[in-house]
Amino acid sequence: MLRSELIDLARTAPGGLAVAHRSALRTLLLLVWTLAIVLDGYTTVAMMGAGISEEANPVAAAAMSVIGVLGYTMAASLLSAALCLLALGRPTGLYSWTVVATIALVGCAKLAQGAANALLWVQLT
């Protein structure tokens, strides 16, 4: 059941993007994720590029040392966009609704992190 619900969610995701304007929930999810991706990505690149902050996550810092801050930020943004797209699919049961709710919470956390980065940037400059 879990596998079939997740496959259905992934299969309906592109269609969810096409009709997002007709669903308040999908529109809100798309808005949160778009703001989160742009805000977190921009502030990360700007602050690290200016040398006023360092990456606290050791795994991300190691990846940034290999592919650079911009490369890592772009890869993380693509992953975030994929998560957002998946959440725009049509959930059919408890498992897929749980996945969508979890992705929505991750988007909210990413938006909060972007806002925290922006506040920190303002304070440090």
PDB file of N, CA and C in Angstrom:
ATOM      1  N   MET A   1       0.821  -1.188   0.000  1.00  0.00           N
ATOM      2  CA  MET A   1       0.000   0.000   0.000  1.00  0.00           C
ATOM      3  C   MET A   1       0.871   1.261   0.000  1.00  0.00           C
ATOM      4  N   LEU A   2       1.884   1.284   0.854  1.00  0.00           N
ATOM      5  CA  LEU A   2       2.766   2.450   0.933  1.00  0.00           C
ATOM      6  C   LEU A   2       3.411   2.727  -0.418  1.00  0.00           C
ATOM      7  N   ARG A   3       3.951   1.686  -1.014  1.00  0.00           N
ATOM      8  CA  ARG A   3       4.642   1.864  -2.289  1.00  0.00           C
ATOM      9  C   ARG A   3       3.696   2.379  -3.372  1.00  0.00           C
ATOM     10  N   SER A   4       2.511   1.816  -3.457  1.00  0.00           N
ATOM     11  CA  SER A   4       1.580   2.240  -4.511  1.00  0.00           C
ATOM     12  C   SER A   4       1.111   3.680  -4.283  1.00  0.00           C
ATOM     13  N   GLU A   5       0.916   4.080  -3.016  1.00  0.00           N
ATOM     14  CA  GLU A   5       0.525   5.463  -2.739  1.00  0.00           C
ATOM     15  C   GLU A   5       1.618   6.434  -3.141  1.00  0.00           C
ATOM     16  N   LEU A   6       2.865   6.075  -2.848  1.00  0.00           N
ATOM     17  CA  LEU A   6       3.974   6.965  -3.198  1.00  0.00           C
ATOM     18  C   LEU A   6       4.193   7.024  -4.704  1.00  0.00           C
ATOM     19  N   ILE A   7       4.003   5.914  -5.374  1.00  0.00           N
ATOM     20  CA  ILE A   7       4.114   5.908  -6.835  1.00  0.00           C
ATOM     21  C   ILE A   7       3.013   6.781  -7.443  1.00  0.00           C
ATOM     22  N   ASP A   8       1.797   6.657  -6.916  1.00  0.00           N
ATOM     23  CA  ASP A   8       0.694   7.494  -7.405  1.00  0.00           C
ATOM     24  C   ASP A   8       0.969   8.968  -7.139  1.00  0.00           C
ATOM     25  N   LEU A   9       1.525   9.274  -5.975  1.00  0.00           N
ATOM     26  CA  LEU A   9       1.843  10.657  -5.640  1.00  0.00           C
ATOM     27  C   LEU A   9       2.859  11.218  -6.631  1.00  0.00           C
ATOM     28  N   ALA A  10       3.902  10.444  -6.920  1.00  0.00           N
ATOM     29  CA  ALA A  10       4.930  10.890  -7.866  1.00  0.00           C
ATOM     30  C   ALA A  10       4.363  11.006  -9.283  1.00  0.00           C
ATOM     31  N   ARG A  11       3.494  10.087  -9.651  1.00  0.00           N
ATOM     32  CA  ARG A  11       2.920  10.103 -10.992  1.00  0.00           C
ATOM     33  C   ARG A  11       2.002  11.305 -11.210  1.00  0.00           C
ATOM     34  N   THR A  12       1.296  11.741 -10.152  1.00  0.00           N
ATOM     35  CA  THR A  12       0.364  12.862 -10.290  1.00  0.00           C
ATOM     36  C   THR A  12       1.008  14.217 -10.008  1.00  0.00           C
ATOM     37  N   ALA A  13       2.275  14.223  -9.601  1.00  0.00           N
ATOM     38  CA  ALA A  13       2.944  15.480  -9.241  1.00  0.00           C
ATOM     39  C   ALA A  13       2.994  16.496 -10.378  1.00  0.00           C
ATOM     40  N   PRO A  14       3.405  16.129 -11.600  1.00  0.00           N
ATOM     41  CA  PRO A  14       3.419  17.139 -12.675  1.00  0.00           C
ATOM     42  C   PRO A  14       2.035  17.728 -12.944  1.00  0.00           C
ATOM     43  N   GLY A  15       1.003  16.916 -12.852  1.00  0.00           N
ATOM     44  CA  GLY A  15      -0.355  17.418 -13.031  1.00  0.00           C
ATOM     45  C   GLY A  15      -0.746  18.371 -11.916  1.00  0.00           C
ATOM     46  N   GLY A  16      -0.233  18.114 -10.702  1.00  0.00           N
ATOM     47  CA  GLY A  16      -0.500  19.010  -9.579  1.00  0.00           C
ATOM     48  C   GLY A  16       0.088  20.382  -9.804  1.00  0.00           C
ATOM     49  N   LEU A  17       1.235  20.435 -10.444  1.00  0.00           N
ATOM     50  CA  LEU A  17       1.847  21.722 -10.763  1.00  0.00           C
ATOM     51  C   LEU A  17       1.000  22.476 -11.785  1.00  0.00           C
ATOM     52  N   ALA A  18       0.468  21.743 -12.747  1.00  0.00           N
ATOM     53  CA  ALA A  18      -0.336  22.381 -13.792  1.00  0.00           C
ATOM     54  C   ALA A  18      -1.637  22.976 -13.256  1.00  0.00           C
ATOM     55  N   VAL A  19      -2.181  22.403 -12.190  1.00  0.00           N
ATOM     56  CA  VAL A  19      -3.454  22.899 -11.646  1.00  0.00           C
ATOM     57  C   VAL A  19      -3.288  23.573 -10.286  1.00  0.00           C
ATOM     58  N   ALA A  20      -2.063  23.926  -9.930  1.00  0.00           N
ATOM     59  CA  ALA A  20      -1.805  24.525  -8.615  1.00  0.00           C
ATOM     60  C   ALA A  20      -2.603  25.801  -8.403  1.00  0.00           C
ATOM     61  N   HIS A  21      -2.840  26.547  -9.472  1.00  0.00           N
ATOM     62  CA  HIS A  21      -3.575  27.806  -9.349  1.00  0.00           C
ATOM     63  C   HIS A  21      -5.038  27.593  -8.950  1.00  0.00           C
ATOM     64  N   ARG A  22      -5.554  26.371  -9.084  1.00  0.00           N
ATOM     65  CA  ARG A  22      -6.941  26.081  -8.717  1.00  0.00           C
ATOM     66  C   ARG A  22      -7.088  25.548  -7.295  1.00  0.00           C
ATOM     67  N   SER A  23      -5.986  25.337  -6.617  1.00  0.00           N
ATOM     68  CA  SER A  23      -6.018  24.773  -5.271  1.00  0.00           C
ATOM     69  C   SER A  23      -5.276  25.698  -4.317  1.00  0.00           C
ATOM     70  N   ALA A  24      -5.968  26.178  -3.309  1.00  0.00           N
ATOM     71  CA  ALA A  24      -5.338  27.081  -2.339  1.00  0.00           C
ATOM     72  C   ALA A  24      -4.186  26.387  -1.616  1.00  0.00           C
ATOM     73  N   LEU A  25      -4.360  25.106  -1.293  1.00  0.00           N
ATOM     74  CA  LEU A  25      -3.314  24.373  -0.583  1.00  0.00           C
ATOM     75  C   LEU A  25      -2.068  24.203  -1.454  1.00  0.00           C
ATOM     76  N   ARG A  26      -2.271  23.831  -2.710  1.00  0.00           N
ATOM     77  CA  ARG A  26      -1.132  23.671  -3.615  1.00  0.00           C
ATOM     78  C   ARG A  26      -0.446  25.013  -3.879  1.00  0.00           C
ATOM     79  N   THR A  27      -1.235  26.059  -4.026  1.00  0.00           N
ATOM     80  CA  THR A  27      -0.662  27.390  -4.247  1.00  0.00           C
ATOM     81  C   THR A  27       0.170  27.824  -3.053  1.00  0.00           C
ATOM     82  N   LEU A  28      -0.342  27.609  -1.849  1.00  0.00           N
ATOM     83  CA  LEU A  28       0.393  27.960  -0.636  1.00  0.00           C
ATOM     84  C   LEU A  28       1.680  27.157  -0.535  1.00  0.00           C
ATOM     85  N   LEU A  29       1.607  25.859  -0.806  1.00  0.00           N
ATOM     86  CA  LEU A  29       2.789  25.008  -0.751  1.00  0.00           C
ATOM     87  C   LEU A  29       3.834  25.465  -1.764  1.00  0.00           C
ATOM     88  N   LEU A  30       3.403  25.776  -2.957  1.00  0.00           N
ATOM     89  CA  LEU A  30       4.312  26.248  -3.999  1.00  0.00           C
ATOM     90  C   LEU A  30       4.937  27.587  -3.605  1.00  0.00           C
ATOM     91  N   LEU A  31       4.152  28.478  -3.041  1.00  0.00           N
ATOM     92  CA  LEU A  31       4.651  29.774  -2.596  1.00  0.00           C
ATOM     93  C   LEU A  31       5.678  29.625  -1.477  1.00  0.00           C
ATOM     94  N   VAL A  32       5.373  28.808  -0.477  1.00  0.00           N
ATOM     95  CA  VAL A  32       6.303  28.598   0.639  1.00  0.00           C
ATOM     96  C   VAL A  32       7.622  28.033   0.136  1.00  0.00           C
ATOM     97  N   TRP A  33       7.552  27.004  -0.697  1.00  0.00           N
ATOM     98  CA  TRP A  33       8.781  26.389  -1.190  1.00  0.00           C
ATOM     99  C   TRP A  33       9.579  27.337  -2.088  1.00  0.00           C
ATOM    100  N   THR A  34       8.896  28.094  -2.937  1.00  0.00           N
ATOM    101  CA  THR A  34       9.606  29.026  -3.812  1.00  0.00           C
ATOM    102  C   THR A  34      10.321  30.091  -2.998  1.00  0.00           C
ATOM    103  N   LEU A  35       9.614  30.684  -2.047  1.00  0.00           N
ATOM    104  CA  LEU A  35      10.251  31.679  -1.168  1.00  0.00           C
ATOM    105  C   LEU A  35      11.403  31.069  -0.386  1.00  0.00           C
ATOM    106  N   ALA A  36      11.202  29.863   0.125  1.00  0.00           N
ATOM    107  CA  ALA A  36      12.238  29.203   0.915  1.00  0.00           C
ATOM    108  C   ALA A  36      13.496  28.940   0.090  1.00  0.00           C
ATOM    109  N   ILE A  37      13.309  28.430  -1.110  1.00  0.00           N
ATOM    110  CA  ILE A  37      14.458  28.119  -1.973  1.00  0.00           C
ATOM    111  C   ILE A  37      15.232  29.387  -2.318  1.00  0.00           C
ATOM    112  N   VAL A  38      14.507  30.419  -2.726  1.00  0.00           N
ATOM    113  CA  VAL A  38      15.165  31.669  -3.136  1.00  0.00           C
ATOM    114  C   VAL A  38      15.837  32.352  -1.939  1.00  0.00           C
ATOM    115  N   LEU A  39      15.119  32.490  -0.844  1.00  0.00           N
ATOM    116  CA  LEU A  39      15.651  33.196   0.315  1.00  0.00           C
ATOM    117  C   LEU A  39      16.835  32.464   0.940  1.00  0.00           C
ATOM    118  N   ASP A  40      16.694  31.172   1.164  1.00  0.00           N
ATOM    119  CA  ASP A  40      17.789  30.414   1.775  1.00  0.00           C
ATOM    120  C   ASP A  40      18.994  30.363   0.840  1.00  0.00           C
ATOM    121  N   GLY A  41      18.755  30.113  -0.429  1.00  0.00           N
ATOM    122  CA  GLY A  41      19.866  30.046  -1.381  1.00  0.00           C
ATOM    123  C   GLY A  41      20.592  31.370  -1.534  1.00  0.00           C
ATOM    124  N   TYR A  42      19.840  32.442  -1.692  1.00  0.00           N
ATOM    125  CA  TYR A  42      20.454  33.754  -1.882  1.00  0.00           C
ATOM    126  C   TYR A  42      21.258  34.177  -0.657  1.00  0.00           C
ATOM    127  N   THR A  43      20.657  34.035   0.527  1.00  0.00           N
ATOM    128  CA  THR A  43      21.372  34.469   1.734  1.00  0.00           C
ATOM    129  C   THR A  43      22.590  33.606   2.012  1.00  0.00           C
ATOM    130  N   THR A  44      22.505  32.323   1.733  1.00  0.00           N
ATOM    131  CA  THR A  44      23.661  31.443   1.947  1.00  0.00           C
ATOM    132  C   THR A  44      24.820  31.848   1.049  1.00  0.00           C
ATOM    133  N   VAL A  45      24.541  32.008  -0.224  1.00  0.00           N
ATOM    134  CA  VAL A  45      25.597  32.380  -1.176  1.00  0.00           C
ATOM    135  C   VAL A  45      26.149  33.765  -0.848  1.00  0.00           C
ATOM    136  N   ALA A  46      25.288  34.720  -0.536  1.00  0.00           N
ATOM    137  CA  ALA A  46      25.735  36.086  -0.258  1.00  0.00           C
ATOM    138  C   ALA A  46      26.573  36.165   1.016  1.00  0.00           C
ATOM    139  N   MET A  47      26.105  35.534   2.079  1.00  0.00           N
ATOM    140  CA  MET A  47      26.837  35.627   3.350  1.00  0.00           C
ATOM    141  C   MET A  47      28.157  34.865   3.297  1.00  0.00           C
ATOM    142  N   MET A  48      28.145  33.706   2.694  1.00  0.00           N
ATOM    143  CA  MET A  48      29.392  32.937   2.611  1.00  0.00           C
ATOM    144  C   MET A  48      30.346  33.571   1.608  1.00  0.00           C
ATOM    145  N   GLY A  49      29.793  34.148   0.549  1.00  0.00           N
ATOM    146  CA  GLY A  49      30.630  34.838  -0.427  1.00  0.00           C
ATOM    147  C   GLY A  49      31.299  36.072   0.159  1.00  0.00           C
ATOM    148  N   ALA A  50      30.602  36.730   1.071  1.00  0.00           N
ATOM    149  CA  ALA A  50      31.156  37.920   1.736  1.00  0.00           C
ATOM    150  C   ALA A  50      32.075  37.545   2.897  1.00  0.00           C
ATOM    151  N   GLY A  51      32.089  36.271   3.244  1.00  0.00           N
ATOM    152  CA  GLY A  51      32.953  35.819   4.335  1.00  0.00           C
ATOM    153  C   GLY A  51      32.440  36.163   5.719  1.00  0.00           C
ATOM    154  N   ILE A  52      31.145  36.422   5.847  1.00  0.00           N
ATOM    155  CA  ILE A  52      30.624  36.795   7.164  1.00  0.00           C
ATOM    156  C   ILE A  52      29.968  35.622   7.891  1.00  0.00           C
ATOM    157  N   SER A  53      29.945  34.455   7.266  1.00  0.00           N
ATOM    158  CA  SER A  53      29.425  33.277   7.960  1.00  0.00           C
ATOM    159  C   SER A  53      30.068  32.028   7.380  1.00  0.00           C
ATOM    160  N   GLU A  54      29.925  30.935   8.133  1.00  0.00           N
ATOM    161  CA  GLU A  54      30.416  29.633   7.701  1.00  0.00           C
ATOM    162  C   GLU A  54      29.278  28.641   7.774  1.00  0.00           C
ATOM    163  N   GLU A  55      29.383  27.572   7.010  1.00  0.00           N
ATOM    164  CA  GLU A  55      28.374  26.523   7.050  1.00  0.00           C
ATOM    165  C   GLU A  55      28.541  25.711   8.330  1.00  0.00           C
ATOM    166  N   ALA A  56      27.450  25.580   9.090  1.00  0.00           N
ATOM    167  CA  ALA A  56      27.495  24.846  10.361  1.00  0.00           C
ATOM    168  C   ALA A  56      27.339  23.342  10.166  1.00  0.00           C
ATOM    169  N   ASN A  57      26.693  22.931   9.091  1.00  0.00           N
ATOM    170  CA  ASN A  57      26.479  21.510   8.827  1.00  0.00           C
ATOM    171  C   ASN A  57      27.769  20.922   8.243  1.00  0.00           C
ATOM    172  N   PRO A  58      28.411  19.974   8.940  1.00  0.00           N
ATOM    173  CA  PRO A  58      29.688  19.445   8.449  1.00  0.00           C
ATOM    174  C   PRO A  58      29.587  18.712   7.108  1.00  0.00           C
ATOM    175  N   VAL A  59      28.464  18.058   6.867  1.00  0.00           N
ATOM    176  CA  VAL A  59      28.292  17.359   5.585  1.00  0.00           C
ATOM    177  C   VAL A  59      28.166  18.380   4.454  1.00  0.00           C
ATOM    178  N   ALA A  60      27.375  19.424   4.680  1.00  0.00           N
ATOM    179  CA  ALA A  60      27.230  20.470   3.668  1.00  0.00           C
ATOM    180  C   ALA A  60      28.555  21.197   3.454  1.00  0.00           C
ATOM    181  N   ALA A  61      29.293  21.449   4.541  1.00  0.00           N
ATOM    182  CA  ALA A  61      30.582  22.129   4.414  1.00  0.00           C
ATOM    183  C   ALA A  61      31.560  21.288   3.590  1.00  0.00           C
ATOM    184  N   ALA A  62      31.549  19.981   3.804  1.00  0.00           N
ATOM    185  CA  ALA A  62      32.428  19.099   3.024  1.00  0.00           C
ATOM    186  C   ALA A  62      32.032  19.109   1.549  1.00  0.00           C
ATOM    187  N   ALA A  63      30.725  19.071   1.285  1.00  0.00           N
ATOM    188  CA  ALA A  63      30.264  19.114  -0.109  1.00  0.00           C
ATOM    189  C   ALA A  63      30.606  20.449  -0.752  1.00  0.00           C
ATOM    190  N   MET A  64      30.493  21.534   0.024  1.00  0.00           N
ATOM    191  CA  MET A  64      30.832  22.860  -0.503  1.00  0.00           C
ATOM    192  C   MET A  64      32.316  22.968  -0.828  1.00  0.00           C
ATOM    193  N   SER A  65      33.151  22.269  -0.073  1.00  0.00           N
ATOM    194  CA  SER A  65      34.589  22.315  -0.358  1.00  0.00           C
ATOM    195  C   SER A  65      34.916  21.594  -1.663  1.00  0.00           C
ATOM    196  N   VAL A  66      34.043  20.680  -2.067  1.00  0.00           N
ATOM    197  CA  VAL A  66      34.262  19.934  -3.311  1.00  0.00           C
ATOM    198  C   VAL A  66      33.647  20.648  -4.515  1.00  0.00           C
ATOM    199  N   ILE A  67      32.375  21.059  -4.402  1.00  0.00           N
ATOM    200  CA  ILE A  67      31.683  21.641  -5.560  1.00  0.00           C
ATOM    201  C   ILE A  67      31.438  23.137  -5.429  1.00  0.00           C
ATOM    202  N   GLY A  68      31.875  23.728  -4.338  1.00  0.00           N
ATOM    203  CA  GLY A  68      31.714  25.161  -4.137  1.00  0.00           C
ATOM    204  C   GLY A  68      30.369  25.509  -3.513  1.00  0.00           C
ATOM    205  N   VAL A  69      30.308  26.706  -2.966  1.00  0.00           N
ATOM    206  CA  VAL A  69      29.083  27.155  -2.302  1.00  0.00           C
ATOM    207  C   VAL A  69      27.939  27.263  -3.308  1.00  0.00           C
ATOM    208  N   LEU A  70      28.207  27.868  -4.443  1.00  0.00           N
ATOM    209  CA  LEU A  70      27.154  28.031  -5.455  1.00  0.00           C
ATOM    210  C   LEU A  70      26.700  26.680  -5.984  1.00  0.00           C
ATOM    211  N   GLY A  71      27.625  25.787  -6.255  1.00  0.00           N
ATOM    212  CA  GLY A  71      27.265  24.453  -6.747  1.00  0.00           C
ATOM    213  C   GLY A  71      26.429  23.687  -5.749  1.00  0.00           C
ATOM    214  N   TYR A  72      26.824  23.744  -4.482  1.00  0.00           N
ATOM    215  CA  TYR A  72      26.055  23.063  -3.446  1.00  0.00           C
ATOM    216  C   TYR A  72      24.666  23.681  -3.307  1.00  0.00           C
ATOM    217  N   THR A  73      24.610  24.997  -3.324  1.00  0.00           N
ATOM    218  CA  THR A  73      23.322  25.683  -3.185  1.00  0.00           C
ATOM    219  C   THR A  73      22.406  25.339  -4.351  1.00  0.00           C
ATOM    220  N   MET A  74      22.956  25.263  -5.542  1.00  0.00           N
ATOM    221  CA  MET A  74      22.143  24.891  -6.706  1.00  0.00           C
ATOM    222  C   MET A  74      21.650  23.454  -6.588  1.00  0.00           C
ATOM    223  N   ALA A  75      22.508  22.544  -6.139  1.00  0.00           N
ATOM    224  CA  ALA A  75      22.097  21.145  -5.971  1.00  0.00           C
ATOM    225  C   ALA A  75      21.011  21.033  -4.904  1.00  0.00           C
ATOM    226  N   ALA A  76      21.181  21.736  -3.790  1.00  0.00           N
ATOM    227  CA  ALA A  76      20.170  21.714  -2.726  1.00  0.00           C
ATOM    228  C   ALA A  76      18.861  22.330  -3.205  1.00  0.00           C
ATOM    229  N   SER A  77      18.953  23.352  -4.033  1.00  0.00           N
ATOM    230  CA  SER A  77      17.746  23.992  -4.566  1.00  0.00           C
ATOM    231  C   SER A  77      17.004  23.058  -5.516  1.00  0.00           C
ATOM    232  N   LEU A  78      17.735  22.304  -6.322  1.00  0.00           N
ATOM    233  CA  LEU A  78      17.096  21.331  -7.213  1.00  0.00           C
ATOM    234  C   LEU A  78      16.403  20.230  -6.420  1.00  0.00           C
ATOM    235  N   LEU A  79      17.046  19.760  -5.351  1.00  0.00           N
ATOM    236  CA  LEU A  79      16.430  18.758  -4.491  1.00  0.00           C
ATOM    237  C   LEU A  79      15.169  19.324  -3.836  1.00  0.00           C
ATOM    238  N   SER A  80      15.249  20.564  -3.394  1.00  0.00           N
ATOM    239  CA  SER A  80      14.088  21.216  -2.783  1.00  0.00           C
ATOM    240  C   SER A  80      12.944  21.359  -3.789  1.00  0.00           C
ATOM    241  N   ALA A  81      13.270  21.720  -5.014  1.00  0.00           N
ATOM    242  CA  ALA A  81      12.244  21.846  -6.049  1.00  0.00           C
ATOM    243  C   ALA A  81      11.594  20.490  -6.342  1.00  0.00           C
ATOM    244  N   ALA A  82      12.397  19.430  -6.323  1.00  0.00           N
ATOM    245  CA  ALA A  82      11.853  18.085  -6.540  1.00  0.00           C
ATOM    246  C   ALA A  82      10.909  17.697  -5.403  1.00  0.00           C
ATOM    247  N   LEU A  83      11.272  18.031  -4.172  1.00  0.00           N
ATOM    248  CA  LEU A  83      10.391  17.745  -3.039  1.00  0.00           C
ATOM    249  C   LEU A  83       9.082  18.511  -3.173  1.00  0.00           C
ATOM    250  N   CYS A  84       9.188  19.769  -3.538  1.00  0.00           N
ATOM    251  CA  CYS A  84       7.987  20.583  -3.726  1.00  0.00           C
ATOM    252  C   CYS A  84       7.095  19.978  -4.800  1.00  0.00           C
ATOM    253  N   LEU A  85       7.674  19.581  -5.909  1.00  0.00           N
ATOM    254  CA  LEU A  85       6.900  18.981  -6.995  1.00  0.00           C
ATOM    255  C   LEU A  85       6.204  17.713  -6.519  1.00  0.00           C
ATOM    256  N   LEU A  86       6.907  16.877  -5.769  1.00  0.00           N
ATOM    257  CA  LEU A  86       6.315  15.646  -5.255  1.00  0.00           C
ATOM    258  C   LEU A  86       5.107  15.961  -4.371  1.00  0.00           C
ATOM    259  N   ALA A  87       5.227  16.987  -3.549  1.00  0.00           N
ATOM    260  CA  ALA A  87       4.137  17.350  -2.643  1.00  0.00           C
ATOM    261  C   ALA A  87       2.928  17.920  -3.375  1.00  0.00           C
ATOM    262  N   LEU A  88       3.097  18.324  -4.626  1.00  0.00           N
ATOM    263  CA  LEU A  88       1.974  18.852  -5.394  1.00  0.00           C
ATOM    264  C   LEU A  88       1.119  17.749  -6.014  1.00  0.00           C
ATOM    265  N   GLY A  89       1.571  16.495  -5.869  1.00  0.00           N
ATOM    266  CA  GLY A  89       0.795  15.370  -6.382  1.00  0.00           C
ATOM    267  C   GLY A  89      -0.495  15.188  -5.600  1.00  0.00           C
ATOM    268  N   ARG A  90      -1.307  14.251  -6.029  1.00  0.00           N
ATOM    269  CA  ARG A  90      -2.604  13.995  -5.387  1.00  0.00           C
ATOM    270  C   ARG A  90      -2.459  12.840  -4.395  1.00  0.00           C
ATOM    271  N   PRO A  91      -2.437  13.167  -3.088  1.00  0.00           N
ATOM    272  CA  PRO A  91      -2.337  12.098  -2.091  1.00  0.00           C
ATOM    273  C   PRO A  91      -3.610  11.253  -2.073  1.00  0.00           C
ATOM    274  N   THR A  92      -3.427   9.928  -1.954  1.00  0.00           N
ATOM    275  CA  THR A  92      -4.585   9.033  -2.022  1.00  0.00           C
ATOM    276  C   THR A  92      -4.854   8.297  -0.723  1.00  0.00           C
ATOM    277  N   GLY A  93      -3.985   8.407   0.233  1.00  0.00           N
ATOM    278  CA  GLY A  93      -4.181   7.681   1.486  1.00  0.00           C
ATOM    279  C   GLY A  93      -3.322   8.265   2.592  1.00  0.00           C
ATOM    280  N   LEU A  94      -3.336   7.607   3.722  1.00  0.00           N
ATOM    281  CA  LEU A  94      -2.630   8.089   4.909  1.00  0.00           C
ATOM    282  C   LEU A  94      -1.137   8.256   4.666  1.00  0.00           C
ATOM    283  N   TYR A  95      -0.515   7.294   4.008  1.00  0.00           N
ATOM    284  CA  TYR A  95       0.926   7.369   3.786  1.00  0.00           C
ATOM    285  C   TYR A  95       1.305   8.553   2.904  1.00  0.00           C
ATOM    286  N   SER A  96       0.595   8.708   1.812  1.00  0.00           N
ATOM    287  CA  SER A  96       0.940   9.811   0.913  1.00  0.00           C
ATOM    288  C   SER A  96       0.600  11.163   1.541  1.00  0.00           C
ATOM    289  N   TRP A  97      -0.473  11.245   2.340  1.00  0.00           N
ATOM    290  CA  TRP A  97      -0.765  12.491   3.050  1.00  0.00           C
ATOM    291  C   TRP A  97       0.334  12.801   4.063  1.00  0.00           C
ATOM    292  N   THR A  98       0.874  11.767   4.701  1.00  0.00           N
ATOM    293  CA  THR A  98       1.971  11.958   5.654  1.00  0.00           C
ATOM    294  C   THR A  98       3.209  12.487   4.943  1.00  0.00           C
ATOM    295  N   VAL A  99       3.491  11.961   3.771  1.00  0.00           N
ATOM    296  CA  VAL A  99       4.635  12.438   2.985  1.00  0.00           C
ATOM    297  C   VAL A  99       4.434  13.901   2.600  1.00  0.00           C
ATOM    298  N   VAL A 100       3.246  14.249   2.135  1.00  0.00           N
ATOM    299  CA  VAL A 100       2.967  15.632   1.740  1.00  0.00           C
ATOM    300  C   VAL A 100       3.079  16.568   2.945  1.00  0.00           C
ATOM    301  N   ALA A 101       2.535  16.159   4.084  1.00  0.00           N
ATOM    302  CA  ALA A 101       2.609  16.986   5.294  1.00  0.00           C
ATOM    303  C   ALA A 101       4.062  17.162   5.749  1.00  0.00           C
ATOM    304  N   THR A 102       4.839  16.107   5.666  1.00  0.00           N
ATOM    305  CA  THR A 102       6.252  16.184   6.046  1.00  0.00           C
ATOM    306  C   THR A 102       7.014  17.124   5.118  1.00  0.00           C
ATOM    307  N   ILE A 103       6.758  17.014   3.833  1.00  0.00           N
ATOM    308  CA  ILE A 103       7.419  17.906   2.873  1.00  0.00           C
ATOM    309  C   ILE A 103       6.999  19.350   3.131  1.00  0.00           C
ATOM    310  N   ALA A 104       5.740  19.577   3.459  1.00  0.00           N
ATOM    311  CA  ALA A 104       5.280  20.936   3.776  1.00  0.00           C
ATOM    312  C   ALA A 104       5.999  21.473   5.009  1.00  0.00           C
ATOM    313  N   LEU A 105       6.176  20.639   6.019  1.00  0.00           N
ATOM    314  CA  LEU A 105       6.895  21.069   7.223  1.00  0.00           C
ATOM    315  C   LEU A 105       8.362  21.369   6.921  1.00  0.00           C
ATOM    316  N   VAL A 106       8.972  20.561   6.077  1.00  0.00           N
ATOM    317  CA  VAL A 106      10.361  20.824   5.679  1.00  0.00           C
ATOM    318  C   VAL A 106      10.447  22.159   4.937  1.00  0.00           C
ATOM    319  N   GLY A 107       9.474  22.439   4.084  1.00  0.00           N
ATOM    320  CA  GLY A 107       9.441  23.724   3.383  1.00  0.00           C
ATOM    321  C   GLY A 107       9.323  24.891   4.350  1.00  0.00           C
ATOM    322  N   CYS A 108       8.482  24.741   5.359  1.00  0.00           N
ATOM    323  CA  CYS A 108       8.339  25.800   6.378  1.00  0.00           C
ATOM    324  C   CYS A 108       9.641  25.984   7.151  1.00  0.00           C
ATOM    325  N   ALA A 109      10.306  24.876   7.475  1.00  0.00           N
ATOM    326  CA  ALA A 109      11.587  24.965   8.182  1.00  0.00           C
ATOM    327  C   ALA A 109      12.644  25.637   7.313  1.00  0.00           C
ATOM    328  N   LYS A 110      12.644  25.320   6.026  1.00  0.00           N
ATOM    329  CA  LYS A 110      13.594  25.948   5.105  1.00  0.00           C
ATOM    330  C   LYS A 110      13.310  27.442   4.974  1.00  0.00           C
ATOM    331  N   LEU A 111      12.041  27.811   4.951  1.00  0.00           N
ATOM    332  CA  LEU A 111      11.672  29.227   4.907  1.00  0.00           C
ATOM    333  C   LEU A 111      12.124  29.931   6.187  1.00  0.00           C
ATOM    334  N   ALA A 112      11.938  29.294   7.329  1.00  0.00           N
ATOM    335  CA  ALA A 112      12.389  29.874   8.601  1.00  0.00           C
ATOM    336  C   ALA A 112      13.906  30.034   8.609  1.00  0.00           C
ATOM    337  N   GLN A 113      14.629  29.061   8.064  1.00  0.00           N
ATOM    338  CA  GLN A 113      16.081  29.161   7.995  1.00  0.00           C
ATOM    339  C   GLN A 113      16.502  30.309   7.090  1.00  0.00           C
ATOM    340  N   GLY A 114      15.836  30.465   5.980  1.00  0.00           N
ATOM    341  CA  GLY A 114      16.134  31.586   5.090  1.00  0.00           C
ATOM    342  C   GLY A 114      15.881  32.920   5.767  1.00  0.00           C
ATOM    343  N   ALA A 115      14.777  33.017   6.510  1.00  0.00           N
ATOM    344  CA  ALA A 115      14.472  34.258   7.244  1.00  0.00           C
ATOM    345  C   ALA A 115      15.517  34.510   8.325  1.00  0.00           C
ATOM    346  N   ALA A 116      15.931  33.458   9.017  1.00  0.00           N
ATOM    347  CA  ALA A 116      16.978  33.611  10.043  1.00  0.00           C
ATOM    348  C   ALA A 116      18.290  34.059   9.410  1.00  0.00           C
ATOM    349  N   ASN A 117      18.626  33.500   8.250  1.00  0.00           N
ATOM    350  CA  ASN A 117      19.826  33.928   7.533  1.00  0.00           C
ATOM    351  C   ASN A 117      19.732  35.406   7.163  1.00  0.00           C
ATOM    352  N   ALA A 118      18.559  35.824   6.668  1.00  0.00           N
ATOM    353  CA  ALA A 118      18.381  37.224   6.275  1.00  0.00           C
ATOM    354  C   ALA A 118      18.541  38.150   7.478  1.00  0.00           C
ATOM    355  N   LEU A 119      17.965  37.776   8.621  1.00  0.00           N
ATOM    356  CA  LEU A 119      18.127  38.591   9.841  1.00  0.00           C
ATOM    357  C   LEU A 119      19.570  38.655  10.280  1.00  0.00           C
ATOM    358  N   LEU A 120      20.248  37.528  10.233  1.00  0.00           N
ATOM    359  CA  LEU A 120      21.658  37.487  10.605  1.00  0.00           C
ATOM    360  C   LEU A 120      22.488  38.358   9.655  1.00  0.00           C
ATOM    361  N   TRP A 121      22.191  38.282   8.388  1.00  0.00           N
ATOM    362  CA  TRP A 121      22.913  39.072   7.394  1.00  0.00           C
ATOM    363  C   TRP A 121      22.746  40.560   7.672  1.00  0.00           C
ATOM    364  N   VAL A 122      21.515  40.964   7.966  1.00  0.00           N
ATOM    365  CA  VAL A 122      21.250  42.378   8.278  1.00  0.00           C
ATOM    366  C   VAL A 122      22.028  42.813   9.523  1.00  0.00           C
ATOM    367  N   GLN A 123      22.074  41.956  10.524  1.00  0.00           N
ATOM    368  CA  GLN A 123      22.779  42.287  11.759  1.00  0.00           C
ATOM    369  C   GLN A 123      24.292  42.358  11.577  1.00  0.00           C
ATOM    370  N   LEU A 124      24.829  41.519  10.695  1.00  0.00           N
ATOM    371  CA  LEU A 124      26.274  41.455  10.530  1.00  0.00           C
ATOM    372  C   LEU A 124      26.814  42.468   9.517  1.00  0.00           C
ATOM    373  N   THR A 125      25.946  43.088   8.760  1.00  0.00           N
ATOM    374  CA  THR A 125      26.434  44.057   7.770  1.00  0.00           C
ATOM    375  C   THR A 125      26.078  45.467   8.167  1.00  0.00           C
TER     376      THR A 125
END
